[in-house]
């Protein structure tokens, strides 16, 4: 008897950028992170884009990332929130800085989007290139922050591979689990946080053949 087909998959997520002028920069960032652009519609209030997580989803109804400008109503709400909390002023509410400090300590402590990568080498190469772009590309310079977590130590092969990694070799932060790594990319090009001023994208890699890994078992 044939096994039943999966009942569901993750269809899409919707990402937003702020000002219409940030549309091309947002699309450039998603492309740099390895997503594939399949459609772009130029609209008066900002370009609308359709991406897929990889080419296998090109003509399917899942694995989609929609990217568009924030609606005016949401922009107005964000502006009102910033004004009420004094964001960026001498009267800034202490909860704002406390929240930002919490995310520096633990980028996955609040809302974020996670993607699973199937090649550690590709992840290393993409993030290395992104770091260069973050220093040299006028559209991205000064607008990206990369944070990385190594797998918890204990597996000799995993530890050796990460010690030799050009990306993770000197990382001293550890994930909430074993046999996998995490890369967090925070950017103010995308808007998704409580204050509507940034978004965090997470990229994970799990070492093959490991049942106990950070996406299966959480360790404190």
N, C-alpha and C. Protein backbone atom coordinates (compact mmCIF):
# COMPACT_ATOMS: atom_id res chain seq x y z
N UNK A 1 0.84 -1.19 0.00
CA UNK A 1 0.00 0.00 0.00
C UNK A 1 0.88 1.25 0.00
N UNK A 2 0.64 2.14 -0.95
CA UNK A 2 1.46 3.34 -1.05
C UNK A 2 1.19 4.27 0.13
N UNK A 3 2.25 4.91 0.56
CA UNK A 3 2.09 5.84 1.68
C UNK A 3 1.33 7.07 1.22
N UNK A 4 0.60 7.68 2.14
CA UNK A 4 -0.18 8.86 1.81
C UNK A 4 0.74 10.05 1.55
N UNK A 5 0.30 10.91 0.65
CA UNK A 5 1.06 12.11 0.36
C UNK A 5 1.02 13.05 1.56
N UNK A 6 2.03 13.86 1.74
CA UNK A 6 2.00 14.82 2.85
C UNK A 6 0.74 15.68 2.80
N UNK A 7 0.18 15.96 3.95
CA UNK A 7 -1.09 16.69 4.00
C UNK A 7 -0.91 18.17 3.69
N UNK A 8 0.26 18.71 3.99
CA UNK A 8 0.46 20.13 3.76
C UNK A 8 1.94 20.46 3.70
N UNK A 9 2.24 21.63 3.19
CA UNK A 9 3.61 22.15 3.21
C UNK A 9 3.51 23.65 3.49
N UNK A 10 4.64 24.26 3.72
CA UNK A 10 4.65 25.70 3.97
C UNK A 10 4.51 26.41 2.62
N UNK A 11 3.39 27.10 2.44
CA UNK A 11 3.11 27.70 1.14
C UNK A 11 3.93 28.94 0.85
N UNK A 12 3.78 29.95 1.67
CA UNK A 12 4.52 31.18 1.42
C UNK A 12 4.65 32.01 2.68
N UNK A 13 5.58 32.94 2.63
CA UNK A 13 5.67 33.99 3.63
C UNK A 13 5.66 35.32 2.88
N UNK A 14 5.22 36.37 3.56
CA UNK A 14 5.18 37.70 2.95
C UNK A 14 6.15 38.60 3.70
N UNK A 15 7.12 39.12 2.98
CA UNK A 15 8.07 40.07 3.53
C UNK A 15 7.79 41.46 2.97
N UNK A 16 8.15 42.47 3.74
CA UNK A 16 7.89 43.84 3.30
C UNK A 16 9.13 44.70 3.50
N UNK A 17 9.28 45.65 2.61
CA UNK A 17 10.27 46.71 2.79
C UNK A 17 9.50 48.00 3.05
N UNK A 18 10.20 49.05 3.46
CA UNK A 18 9.53 50.28 3.82
C UNK A 18 9.28 51.19 2.64
N UNK A 19 10.17 52.13 2.42
CA UNK A 19 10.03 53.08 1.32
C UNK A 19 10.14 52.37 -0.03
N UNK A 20 9.40 52.87 -1.01
CA UNK A 20 9.41 52.24 -2.34
C UNK A 20 10.81 52.14 -2.92
N UNK A 21 11.67 53.10 -2.59
CA UNK A 21 13.03 53.10 -3.13
C UNK A 21 13.85 51.92 -2.62
N UNK A 22 13.40 51.27 -1.54
CA UNK A 22 14.14 50.13 -0.99
C UNK A 22 13.77 48.82 -1.67
N UNK A 23 12.82 48.82 -2.58
CA UNK A 23 12.43 47.58 -3.25
C UNK A 23 13.59 46.87 -3.94
N UNK A 24 14.34 47.55 -4.81
CA UNK A 24 15.47 46.88 -5.47
C UNK A 24 16.53 46.39 -4.49
N UNK A 25 16.79 47.13 -3.41
CA UNK A 25 17.77 46.68 -2.41
C UNK A 25 17.27 45.43 -1.70
N UNK A 26 15.97 45.38 -1.39
CA UNK A 26 15.41 44.20 -0.74
C UNK A 26 15.50 42.99 -1.65
N UNK A 27 15.20 43.18 -2.94
CA UNK A 27 15.30 42.08 -3.89
C UNK A 27 16.75 41.63 -4.06
N UNK A 28 17.67 42.59 -4.07
CA UNK A 28 19.10 42.24 -4.17
C UNK A 28 19.53 41.40 -2.97
N UNK A 29 19.05 41.77 -1.78
CA UNK A 29 19.40 41.03 -0.57
C UNK A 29 18.88 39.60 -0.65
N UNK A 30 17.63 39.40 -1.04
CA UNK A 30 17.09 38.04 -1.12
C UNK A 30 17.85 37.22 -2.15
N UNK A 31 18.22 37.84 -3.26
CA UNK A 31 19.01 37.13 -4.27
C UNK A 31 20.38 36.73 -3.71
N UNK A 32 21.01 37.64 -2.98
CA UNK A 32 22.32 37.34 -2.38
C UNK A 32 22.22 36.19 -1.38
N UNK A 33 21.06 36.04 -0.75
CA UNK A 33 20.87 34.97 0.22
C UNK A 33 20.49 33.64 -0.43
N UNK A 34 20.38 33.62 -1.75
CA UNK A 34 20.17 32.37 -2.46
C UNK A 34 18.75 32.10 -2.93
N UNK A 35 17.84 33.03 -2.70
CA UNK A 35 16.47 32.84 -3.18
C UNK A 35 16.39 33.23 -4.65
N UNK A 36 15.42 32.66 -5.36
CA UNK A 36 15.32 32.87 -6.81
C UNK A 36 14.12 33.73 -7.14
N UNK A 37 14.38 34.85 -7.80
CA UNK A 37 13.30 35.74 -8.21
C UNK A 37 12.58 35.15 -9.43
N UNK A 38 11.26 35.06 -9.35
CA UNK A 38 10.47 34.51 -10.46
C UNK A 38 9.53 35.53 -11.08
N UNK A 39 9.33 36.65 -10.41
CA UNK A 39 8.43 37.66 -10.96
C UNK A 39 8.70 39.01 -10.30
N UNK A 40 8.54 40.08 -11.09
CA UNK A 40 8.62 41.44 -10.56
C UNK A 40 7.57 42.28 -11.27
N UNK A 41 6.73 42.93 -10.48
CA UNK A 41 5.71 43.82 -11.03
C UNK A 41 6.02 45.24 -10.55
N UNK A 42 6.33 46.16 -11.45
CA UNK A 42 6.56 47.54 -11.03
C UNK A 42 5.23 48.21 -10.71
N UNK A 43 5.06 48.65 -9.49
CA UNK A 43 3.83 49.30 -9.05
C UNK A 43 4.15 50.70 -8.54
N UNK A 44 3.19 51.61 -8.58
CA UNK A 44 3.47 53.00 -8.19
C UNK A 44 3.97 53.14 -6.75
N UNK A 45 3.49 52.29 -5.85
CA UNK A 45 3.88 52.42 -4.43
C UNK A 45 5.06 51.52 -4.07
N UNK A 46 5.67 50.87 -5.07
CA UNK A 46 6.83 50.00 -4.80
C UNK A 46 6.69 48.67 -5.51
N UNK A 47 7.79 48.14 -6.00
CA UNK A 47 7.76 46.90 -6.76
C UNK A 47 7.23 45.73 -5.93
N UNK A 48 6.51 44.84 -6.60
CA UNK A 48 6.07 43.58 -6.01
C UNK A 48 6.92 42.47 -6.61
N UNK A 49 7.47 41.60 -5.74
CA UNK A 49 8.33 40.50 -6.18
C UNK A 49 7.79 39.17 -5.70
N UNK A 50 8.04 38.15 -6.51
CA UNK A 50 7.81 36.77 -6.10
C UNK A 50 9.14 36.04 -6.16
N UNK A 51 9.54 35.43 -5.05
CA UNK A 51 10.74 34.61 -4.97
C UNK A 51 10.33 33.19 -4.59
N UNK A 52 11.21 32.24 -4.85
CA UNK A 52 11.05 30.89 -4.31
C UNK A 52 12.34 30.52 -3.58
N UNK A 53 12.22 29.59 -2.62
CA UNK A 53 13.39 29.25 -1.82
C UNK A 53 14.46 28.57 -2.66
N UNK A 54 14.05 27.83 -3.68
CA UNK A 54 15.00 27.28 -4.65
C UNK A 54 14.24 26.90 -5.91
N UNK A 55 14.98 26.51 -6.95
CA UNK A 55 14.38 26.26 -8.25
C UNK A 55 13.34 25.16 -8.30
N UNK A 56 13.39 24.24 -7.34
CA UNK A 56 12.42 23.13 -7.36
C UNK A 56 11.00 23.60 -7.08
N UNK A 57 10.86 24.83 -6.58
CA UNK A 57 9.54 25.37 -6.25
C UNK A 57 9.04 26.36 -7.30
N UNK A 58 9.78 26.49 -8.39
CA UNK A 58 9.49 27.55 -9.36
C UNK A 58 8.03 27.56 -9.80
N UNK A 59 7.51 26.40 -10.20
CA UNK A 59 6.15 26.33 -10.75
C UNK A 59 5.15 25.72 -9.78
N UNK A 60 5.54 25.61 -8.51
CA UNK A 60 4.66 25.00 -7.51
C UNK A 60 3.98 26.09 -6.67
N UNK A 61 3.16 25.67 -5.75
CA UNK A 61 2.44 26.61 -4.91
C UNK A 61 2.99 26.72 -3.51
N UNK A 62 4.20 26.22 -3.30
CA UNK A 62 4.81 26.35 -1.98
C UNK A 62 6.24 26.83 -2.12
N UNK A 63 6.89 27.07 -0.97
CA UNK A 63 8.26 27.57 -1.00
C UNK A 63 8.38 28.97 -1.56
N UNK A 64 7.32 29.77 -1.42
CA UNK A 64 7.26 31.10 -2.03
C UNK A 64 7.54 32.19 -1.00
N UNK A 65 8.24 33.22 -1.44
CA UNK A 65 8.43 34.43 -0.64
C UNK A 65 7.89 35.60 -1.47
N UNK A 66 6.85 36.24 -0.97
CA UNK A 66 6.35 37.45 -1.60
C UNK A 66 7.01 38.66 -0.92
N UNK A 67 7.42 39.61 -1.73
CA UNK A 67 8.12 40.78 -1.23
C UNK A 67 7.45 42.02 -1.79
N UNK A 68 7.01 42.91 -0.92
CA UNK A 68 6.32 44.12 -1.38
C UNK A 68 6.52 45.24 -0.38
N UNK A 69 6.10 46.44 -0.77
CA UNK A 69 6.19 47.60 0.12
C UNK A 69 5.14 47.51 1.21
N UNK A 70 5.47 48.06 2.38
CA UNK A 70 4.50 48.11 3.46
C UNK A 70 3.28 48.93 3.03
N UNK A 71 2.08 48.49 3.37
CA UNK A 71 0.90 49.31 3.11
C UNK A 71 0.97 50.62 3.89
N UNK A 72 0.32 51.64 3.38
CA UNK A 72 0.36 52.95 4.02
C UNK A 72 -0.17 52.89 5.46
N UNK A 73 -1.24 52.11 5.69
CA UNK A 73 -1.81 52.03 7.03
C UNK A 73 -0.79 51.49 8.03
N UNK A 74 0.02 50.51 7.59
CA UNK A 74 1.02 49.95 8.50
C UNK A 74 2.17 50.93 8.70
N UNK A 75 2.55 51.64 7.66
CA UNK A 75 3.59 52.66 7.80
C UNK A 75 3.16 53.72 8.82
N UNK A 76 1.89 54.11 8.74
CA UNK A 76 1.38 55.12 9.67
C UNK A 76 1.37 54.59 11.10
N UNK A 77 1.02 53.31 11.27
CA UNK A 77 1.01 52.72 12.61
C UNK A 77 2.42 52.67 13.18
N UNK A 78 3.39 52.30 12.36
CA UNK A 78 4.78 52.25 12.82
C UNK A 78 5.25 53.65 13.24
N UNK A 79 4.92 54.65 12.44
CA UNK A 79 5.32 56.01 12.76
C UNK A 79 4.69 56.46 14.08
N UNK A 80 3.43 56.11 14.29
CA UNK A 80 2.75 56.48 15.53
C UNK A 80 3.36 55.77 16.73
N UNK A 81 3.73 54.50 16.54
CA UNK A 81 4.37 53.74 17.61
C UNK A 81 5.71 54.36 17.98
N UNK A 82 6.51 54.71 16.98
CA UNK A 82 7.81 55.33 17.23
C UNK A 82 7.65 56.66 17.97
N UNK A 83 6.64 57.43 17.56
CA UNK A 83 6.42 58.71 18.22
C UNK A 83 6.01 58.52 19.67
N UNK A 84 5.13 57.56 19.92
CA UNK A 84 4.64 57.32 21.28
C UNK A 84 5.74 56.84 22.20
N UNK A 85 6.68 56.06 21.66
CA UNK A 85 7.76 55.51 22.47
C UNK A 85 9.03 56.36 22.42
N UNK A 86 8.98 57.43 21.64
CA UNK A 86 10.15 58.29 21.55
C UNK A 86 11.36 57.61 20.95
N UNK A 87 11.14 56.72 20.01
CA UNK A 87 12.25 55.95 19.43
C UNK A 87 13.28 56.89 18.79
N UNK A 88 14.53 56.70 19.19
CA UNK A 88 15.60 57.50 18.64
C UNK A 88 15.75 58.88 19.25
N UNK A 89 15.00 59.16 20.31
CA UNK A 89 15.09 60.46 20.97
C UNK A 89 15.63 60.30 22.39
N UNK A 90 15.90 61.42 23.05
CA UNK A 90 16.38 61.38 24.43
C UNK A 90 15.32 60.84 25.38
N UNK A 91 14.06 60.89 24.95
CA UNK A 91 12.96 60.40 25.79
C UNK A 91 12.53 58.98 25.41
N UNK A 92 13.37 58.25 24.71
CA UNK A 92 13.01 56.90 24.28
C UNK A 92 12.62 56.02 25.47
N UNK A 93 11.52 55.31 25.32
CA UNK A 93 11.05 54.41 26.38
C UNK A 93 12.10 53.33 26.63
N UNK A 94 12.43 53.02 27.90
CA UNK A 94 13.48 52.03 28.19
C UNK A 94 13.17 50.64 27.63
N UNK A 95 11.90 50.34 27.37
CA UNK A 95 11.57 49.02 26.82
C UNK A 95 12.13 48.84 25.42
N UNK A 96 12.33 49.94 24.70
CA UNK A 96 12.87 49.85 23.34
C UNK A 96 14.30 49.33 23.38
N UNK A 97 15.14 49.94 24.18
CA UNK A 97 16.53 49.50 24.29
C UNK A 97 16.63 48.12 24.89
N UNK A 98 15.75 47.80 25.84
CA UNK A 98 15.76 46.48 26.45
C UNK A 98 15.44 45.40 25.41
N UNK A 99 14.49 45.68 24.52
CA UNK A 99 14.15 44.72 23.49
C UNK A 99 15.29 44.55 22.50
N UNK A 100 15.91 45.64 22.13
CA UNK A 100 17.04 45.55 21.20
C UNK A 100 18.21 44.80 21.82
N UNK A 101 18.44 45.00 23.10
CA UNK A 101 19.51 44.27 23.78
C UNK A 101 19.19 42.78 23.83
N UNK A 102 17.92 42.44 24.04
CA UNK A 102 17.52 41.04 24.09
C UNK A 102 17.78 40.35 22.74
N UNK A 103 17.54 41.06 21.65
CA UNK A 103 17.76 40.47 20.33
C UNK A 103 19.25 40.36 19.99
N UNK A 104 20.05 41.26 20.53
CA UNK A 104 21.51 41.13 20.35
C UNK A 104 21.99 39.87 21.05
N UNK A 105 21.48 39.63 22.24
CA UNK A 105 21.88 38.44 23.00
C UNK A 105 21.35 37.17 22.37
N UNK A 106 20.15 37.23 21.80
CA UNK A 106 19.51 36.03 21.26
C UNK A 106 18.60 36.42 20.10
N UNK A 107 19.10 36.41 18.85
CA UNK A 107 18.30 36.87 17.71
C UNK A 107 17.02 36.07 17.47
N UNK A 108 16.95 34.85 17.99
CA UNK A 108 15.74 34.05 17.77
C UNK A 108 14.75 34.15 18.93
N UNK A 109 14.96 35.13 19.82
CA UNK A 109 14.08 35.29 20.96
C UNK A 109 12.75 35.91 20.58
N UNK A 110 12.67 36.45 19.37
CA UNK A 110 11.43 37.06 18.93
C UNK A 110 11.13 36.64 17.50
N UNK A 111 10.18 37.30 16.88
CA UNK A 111 9.70 36.90 15.55
C UNK A 111 10.82 36.91 14.53
N UNK A 112 10.92 35.82 13.76
CA UNK A 112 11.90 35.72 12.69
C UNK A 112 11.46 34.65 11.70
N UNK A 113 12.14 34.60 10.56
CA UNK A 113 11.85 33.62 9.52
C UNK A 113 13.04 32.67 9.41
N UNK A 114 12.80 31.36 9.41
CA UNK A 114 13.88 30.39 9.36
C UNK A 114 13.87 29.58 8.08
N UNK A 115 15.06 29.32 7.54
CA UNK A 115 15.20 28.54 6.31
C UNK A 115 16.26 27.46 6.54
N UNK A 116 15.98 26.27 6.04
CA UNK A 116 16.91 25.14 6.19
C UNK A 116 17.76 24.99 4.94
N UNK A 117 19.07 25.02 5.12
CA UNK A 117 20.02 24.85 4.02
C UNK A 117 20.53 23.41 4.01
N UNK A 118 20.82 22.90 2.83
CA UNK A 118 21.25 21.51 2.72
C UNK A 118 22.72 21.37 2.34
N UNK A 119 23.44 22.48 2.32
CA UNK A 119 24.88 22.44 2.05
C UNK A 119 25.56 23.45 2.96
N UNK A 120 26.43 22.96 3.83
CA UNK A 120 27.17 23.85 4.71
C UNK A 120 28.14 24.70 3.89
N UNK A 121 28.75 24.11 2.88
CA UNK A 121 29.70 24.84 2.05
C UNK A 121 29.02 26.02 1.35
N UNK A 122 27.83 25.78 0.82
CA UNK A 122 27.11 26.86 0.15
C UNK A 122 26.74 27.96 1.15
N UNK A 123 26.30 27.56 2.34
CA UNK A 123 25.97 28.55 3.37
C UNK A 123 27.19 29.39 3.72
N UNK A 124 28.33 28.74 3.90
CA UNK A 124 29.56 29.45 4.22
C UNK A 124 29.92 30.45 3.12
N UNK A 125 29.81 30.01 1.86
CA UNK A 125 30.18 30.87 0.75
C UNK A 125 29.23 32.05 0.60
N UNK A 126 27.94 31.79 0.77
CA UNK A 126 26.95 32.87 0.61
C UNK A 126 27.12 33.94 1.70
N UNK A 127 27.31 33.49 2.93
CA UNK A 127 27.44 34.46 4.01
C UNK A 127 28.75 35.22 3.89
N UNK A 128 29.81 34.57 3.44
CA UNK A 128 31.08 35.26 3.22
C UNK A 128 30.91 36.36 2.16
N UNK A 129 30.21 36.04 1.08
CA UNK A 129 29.95 37.03 0.04
C UNK A 129 29.06 38.15 0.56
N UNK A 130 28.06 37.79 1.37
CA UNK A 130 27.16 38.79 1.92
C UNK A 130 27.91 39.78 2.80
N UNK A 131 28.86 39.27 3.57
CA UNK A 131 29.65 40.16 4.43
C UNK A 131 30.45 41.16 3.60
N UNK A 132 30.95 40.72 2.46
CA UNK A 132 31.67 41.63 1.57
C UNK A 132 30.71 42.68 1.03
N UNK A 133 29.53 42.23 0.59
CA UNK A 133 28.53 43.17 0.07
C UNK A 133 28.11 44.18 1.13
N UNK A 134 28.02 43.72 2.37
CA UNK A 134 27.61 44.61 3.46
C UNK A 134 28.63 45.71 3.71
N UNK A 135 29.85 45.51 3.21
CA UNK A 135 30.89 46.53 3.37
C UNK A 135 31.08 47.37 2.11
N UNK A 136 30.68 46.85 0.95
CA UNK A 136 31.05 47.51 -0.30
C UNK A 136 29.87 47.91 -1.17
N UNK A 137 28.73 47.24 -1.06
CA UNK A 137 27.59 47.51 -1.94
C UNK A 137 26.81 48.71 -1.39
N UNK A 138 26.65 49.78 -2.17
CA UNK A 138 25.94 50.96 -1.66
C UNK A 138 24.51 50.68 -1.21
N UNK A 139 23.86 49.69 -1.80
CA UNK A 139 22.48 49.36 -1.42
C UNK A 139 22.40 48.62 -0.09
N UNK A 140 23.48 47.94 0.29
CA UNK A 140 23.46 47.09 1.48
C UNK A 140 24.38 47.59 2.59
N UNK A 141 25.31 48.47 2.26
CA UNK A 141 26.33 48.88 3.22
C UNK A 141 25.71 49.50 4.47
N UNK A 142 26.14 48.97 5.62
CA UNK A 142 25.66 49.49 6.89
C UNK A 142 24.26 49.07 7.26
N UNK A 143 23.66 48.16 6.51
CA UNK A 143 22.26 47.81 6.74
C UNK A 143 22.07 46.34 7.09
N UNK A 144 23.16 45.63 7.32
CA UNK A 144 23.08 44.20 7.63
C UNK A 144 23.88 43.91 8.90
N UNK A 145 23.37 42.99 9.69
CA UNK A 145 24.11 42.49 10.85
C UNK A 145 24.02 40.98 10.83
N UNK A 146 25.15 40.30 10.88
CA UNK A 146 25.20 38.85 10.82
C UNK A 146 25.64 38.30 12.18
N UNK A 147 24.86 37.37 12.73
CA UNK A 147 25.19 36.69 13.98
C UNK A 147 25.16 35.19 13.73
N UNK A 148 26.14 34.46 14.30
CA UNK A 148 26.24 33.03 14.04
C UNK A 148 26.32 32.22 15.32
N UNK A 149 25.71 31.06 15.30
CA UNK A 149 25.78 30.10 16.40
C UNK A 149 26.36 28.78 15.89
N UNK A 150 27.34 28.28 16.61
CA UNK A 150 27.87 26.93 16.33
C UNK A 150 26.99 25.88 16.98
N UNK A 151 27.17 24.63 16.55
CA UNK A 151 26.55 23.51 17.24
C UNK A 151 27.18 23.35 18.61
N UNK A 152 26.39 22.91 19.56
CA UNK A 152 26.96 22.60 20.87
C UNK A 152 28.03 21.52 20.71
N UNK A 153 29.14 21.64 21.43
CA UNK A 153 30.24 20.69 21.25
C UNK A 153 29.89 19.31 21.79
N UNK A 154 30.62 18.31 21.29
CA UNK A 154 30.42 16.96 21.78
C UNK A 154 30.58 15.89 20.73
N UNK A 155 30.30 16.23 19.46
CA UNK A 155 30.51 15.29 18.36
C UNK A 155 31.84 15.64 17.71
N UNK A 156 32.78 14.71 17.74
CA UNK A 156 34.14 15.01 17.28
C UNK A 156 34.18 15.43 15.82
N UNK A 157 33.41 14.76 14.97
CA UNK A 157 33.42 15.09 13.54
C UNK A 157 32.83 16.47 13.29
N UNK A 158 31.73 16.76 13.95
CA UNK A 158 31.10 18.07 13.79
C UNK A 158 32.02 19.16 14.32
N UNK A 159 32.60 18.94 15.49
CA UNK A 159 33.51 19.93 16.07
C UNK A 159 34.70 20.19 15.15
N UNK A 160 35.26 19.14 14.58
CA UNK A 160 36.42 19.31 13.70
C UNK A 160 36.04 20.09 12.43
N UNK A 161 34.87 19.77 11.86
CA UNK A 161 34.44 20.48 10.64
C UNK A 161 34.23 21.96 10.93
N UNK A 162 33.65 22.27 12.07
CA UNK A 162 33.39 23.68 12.39
C UNK A 162 34.67 24.41 12.79
N UNK A 163 35.60 23.70 13.43
CA UNK A 163 36.90 24.32 13.75
C UNK A 163 37.62 24.73 12.47
N UNK A 164 37.44 23.94 11.41
CA UNK A 164 38.12 24.22 10.14
C UNK A 164 37.32 25.16 9.24
N UNK A 165 36.13 25.53 9.66
CA UNK A 165 35.24 26.35 8.83
C UNK A 165 35.74 27.79 8.74
N UNK A 166 35.76 28.37 7.53
CA UNK A 166 36.14 29.78 7.41
C UNK A 166 35.11 30.71 8.02
N UNK A 167 33.90 30.21 8.25
CA UNK A 167 32.83 31.03 8.79
C UNK A 167 32.63 30.82 10.28
N UNK A 168 32.66 29.56 10.73
CA UNK A 168 32.34 29.23 12.11
C UNK A 168 33.55 28.94 12.99
N UNK A 169 34.74 28.92 12.40
CA UNK A 169 35.93 28.51 13.14
C UNK A 169 36.19 29.32 14.39
N UNK A 170 35.91 30.62 14.36
CA UNK A 170 36.18 31.46 15.52
C UNK A 170 34.91 31.89 16.25
N UNK A 171 33.77 31.24 15.95
CA UNK A 171 32.51 31.59 16.60
C UNK A 171 32.48 31.00 18.00
N UNK A 172 32.08 31.82 18.96
CA UNK A 172 32.02 31.37 20.36
C UNK A 172 30.60 31.30 20.90
N UNK A 173 29.62 31.60 20.07
CA UNK A 173 28.22 31.46 20.45
C UNK A 173 27.75 30.05 20.10
N UNK A 174 26.82 29.52 20.87
CA UNK A 174 26.34 28.15 20.63
C UNK A 174 24.82 28.12 20.52
N UNK A 175 24.33 27.24 19.68
CA UNK A 175 22.90 27.07 19.45
C UNK A 175 22.25 26.36 20.63
N UNK A 176 20.92 26.34 20.62
CA UNK A 176 20.16 25.62 21.64
C UNK A 176 20.05 24.13 21.27
N UNK A 177 21.10 23.57 20.74
CA UNK A 177 21.07 22.17 20.34
C UNK A 177 22.34 21.76 19.65
N UNK A 178 22.40 20.51 19.29
CA UNK A 178 23.62 19.93 18.72
C UNK A 178 23.50 19.71 17.22
N UNK A 179 24.65 19.46 16.61
CA UNK A 179 24.73 18.95 15.24
C UNK A 179 24.09 19.85 14.19
N UNK A 180 24.14 21.14 14.44
CA UNK A 180 23.63 22.09 13.46
C UNK A 180 24.14 23.48 13.75
N UNK A 181 24.09 24.34 12.75
CA UNK A 181 24.55 25.72 12.91
C UNK A 181 23.44 26.67 12.49
N UNK A 182 23.57 27.91 12.94
CA UNK A 182 22.59 28.94 12.63
C UNK A 182 23.30 30.22 12.22
N UNK A 183 22.74 30.88 11.22
CA UNK A 183 23.20 32.21 10.82
C UNK A 183 21.98 33.12 10.81
N UNK A 184 22.07 34.24 11.53
CA UNK A 184 20.99 35.21 11.59
C UNK A 184 21.41 36.47 10.84
N UNK A 185 20.58 36.90 9.92
CA UNK A 185 20.83 38.13 9.18
C UNK A 185 19.74 39.13 9.55
N UNK A 186 20.13 40.19 10.24
CA UNK A 186 19.18 41.25 10.59
C UNK A 186 19.40 42.43 9.66
N UNK A 187 18.31 43.00 9.17
CA UNK A 187 18.42 44.11 8.23
C UNK A 187 17.28 45.10 8.41
N UNK A 188 17.60 46.38 8.24
CA UNK A 188 16.55 47.40 8.28
C UNK A 188 15.95 47.63 6.89
N UNK A 189 16.42 46.88 5.91
CA UNK A 189 15.81 46.96 4.58
C UNK A 189 14.42 46.32 4.61
N UNK A 190 14.29 45.26 5.41
CA UNK A 190 13.01 44.59 5.59
C UNK A 190 12.40 45.02 6.92
N UNK A 191 11.07 45.00 7.00
CA UNK A 191 10.37 45.51 8.18
C UNK A 191 9.47 44.41 8.75
N UNK A 192 9.82 43.90 9.96
CA UNK A 192 8.99 42.84 10.52
C UNK A 192 9.02 42.76 12.04
N UNK A 193 9.76 43.63 12.70
CA UNK A 193 9.88 43.53 14.15
C UNK A 193 8.74 44.24 14.84
N UNK A 194 8.74 44.18 16.19
CA UNK A 194 7.70 44.85 16.96
C UNK A 194 7.65 46.35 16.65
N UNK A 195 8.80 46.95 16.38
CA UNK A 195 8.86 48.37 16.07
C UNK A 195 8.79 48.64 14.58
N UNK A 196 8.75 47.58 13.78
CA UNK A 196 8.65 47.76 12.34
C UNK A 196 9.87 48.36 11.71
N UNK A 197 11.04 48.21 12.35
CA UNK A 197 12.23 48.84 11.81
C UNK A 197 13.29 47.87 11.32
N UNK A 198 13.04 46.56 11.40
CA UNK A 198 14.01 45.59 10.90
C UNK A 198 13.34 44.22 10.78
N UNK A 199 14.08 43.28 10.24
CA UNK A 199 13.63 41.89 10.18
C UNK A 199 14.82 40.98 10.37
N UNK A 200 14.57 39.77 10.87
CA UNK A 200 15.63 38.78 11.08
C UNK A 200 15.32 37.54 10.27
N UNK A 201 16.27 37.14 9.44
CA UNK A 201 16.18 35.91 8.67
C UNK A 201 17.20 34.93 9.23
N UNK A 202 16.78 33.69 9.45
CA UNK A 202 17.66 32.66 10.01
C UNK A 202 17.93 31.58 8.97
N UNK A 203 19.18 31.16 8.90
CA UNK A 203 19.58 30.10 7.97
C UNK A 203 20.27 29.00 8.77
N UNK A 204 19.73 27.78 8.68
CA UNK A 204 20.21 26.65 9.47
C UNK A 204 20.80 25.57 8.57
N UNK A 205 21.76 24.87 9.12
CA UNK A 205 22.28 23.66 8.47
C UNK A 205 22.36 22.57 9.53
N UNK A 206 21.86 21.38 9.19
CA UNK A 206 21.90 20.23 10.08
C UNK A 206 22.84 19.18 9.49
N UNK A 207 23.79 18.72 10.28
CA UNK A 207 24.71 17.69 9.80
C UNK A 207 23.95 16.39 9.53
N UNK A 208 24.22 15.73 8.42
CA UNK A 208 23.45 14.54 8.04
C UNK A 208 23.66 13.37 8.99
N UNK A 209 22.62 12.54 9.09
CA UNK A 209 22.70 11.33 9.90
C UNK A 209 22.60 11.55 11.39
N UNK A 210 22.12 12.72 11.79
CA UNK A 210 22.03 13.05 13.22
C UNK A 210 20.56 13.17 13.62
N UNK A 211 20.10 12.25 14.47
CA UNK A 211 18.72 12.35 14.95
C UNK A 211 18.57 13.41 16.03
N UNK A 212 19.61 13.59 16.82
CA UNK A 212 19.59 14.60 17.88
C UNK A 212 20.25 15.86 17.32
N UNK A 213 19.40 16.81 16.91
CA UNK A 213 19.96 18.05 16.36
C UNK A 213 19.11 19.22 16.82
N UNK A 214 19.60 20.42 16.58
CA UNK A 214 19.00 21.63 17.18
C UNK A 214 17.59 21.90 16.71
N UNK A 215 17.18 21.38 15.56
CA UNK A 215 15.81 21.59 15.09
C UNK A 215 14.88 20.47 15.53
N UNK A 216 15.43 19.46 16.18
CA UNK A 216 14.61 18.34 16.67
C UNK A 216 14.53 18.31 18.18
N UNK A 217 15.62 18.68 18.85
CA UNK A 217 15.69 18.63 20.30
C UNK A 217 16.29 19.94 20.81
N UNK A 218 15.54 20.68 21.60
CA UNK A 218 16.02 21.92 22.18
C UNK A 218 16.71 21.63 23.51
N UNK A 219 17.91 22.20 23.69
CA UNK A 219 18.66 22.03 24.92
C UNK A 219 18.86 23.39 25.57
N UNK A 220 18.69 23.46 26.85
CA UNK A 220 18.86 24.71 27.58
C UNK A 220 20.23 24.76 28.26
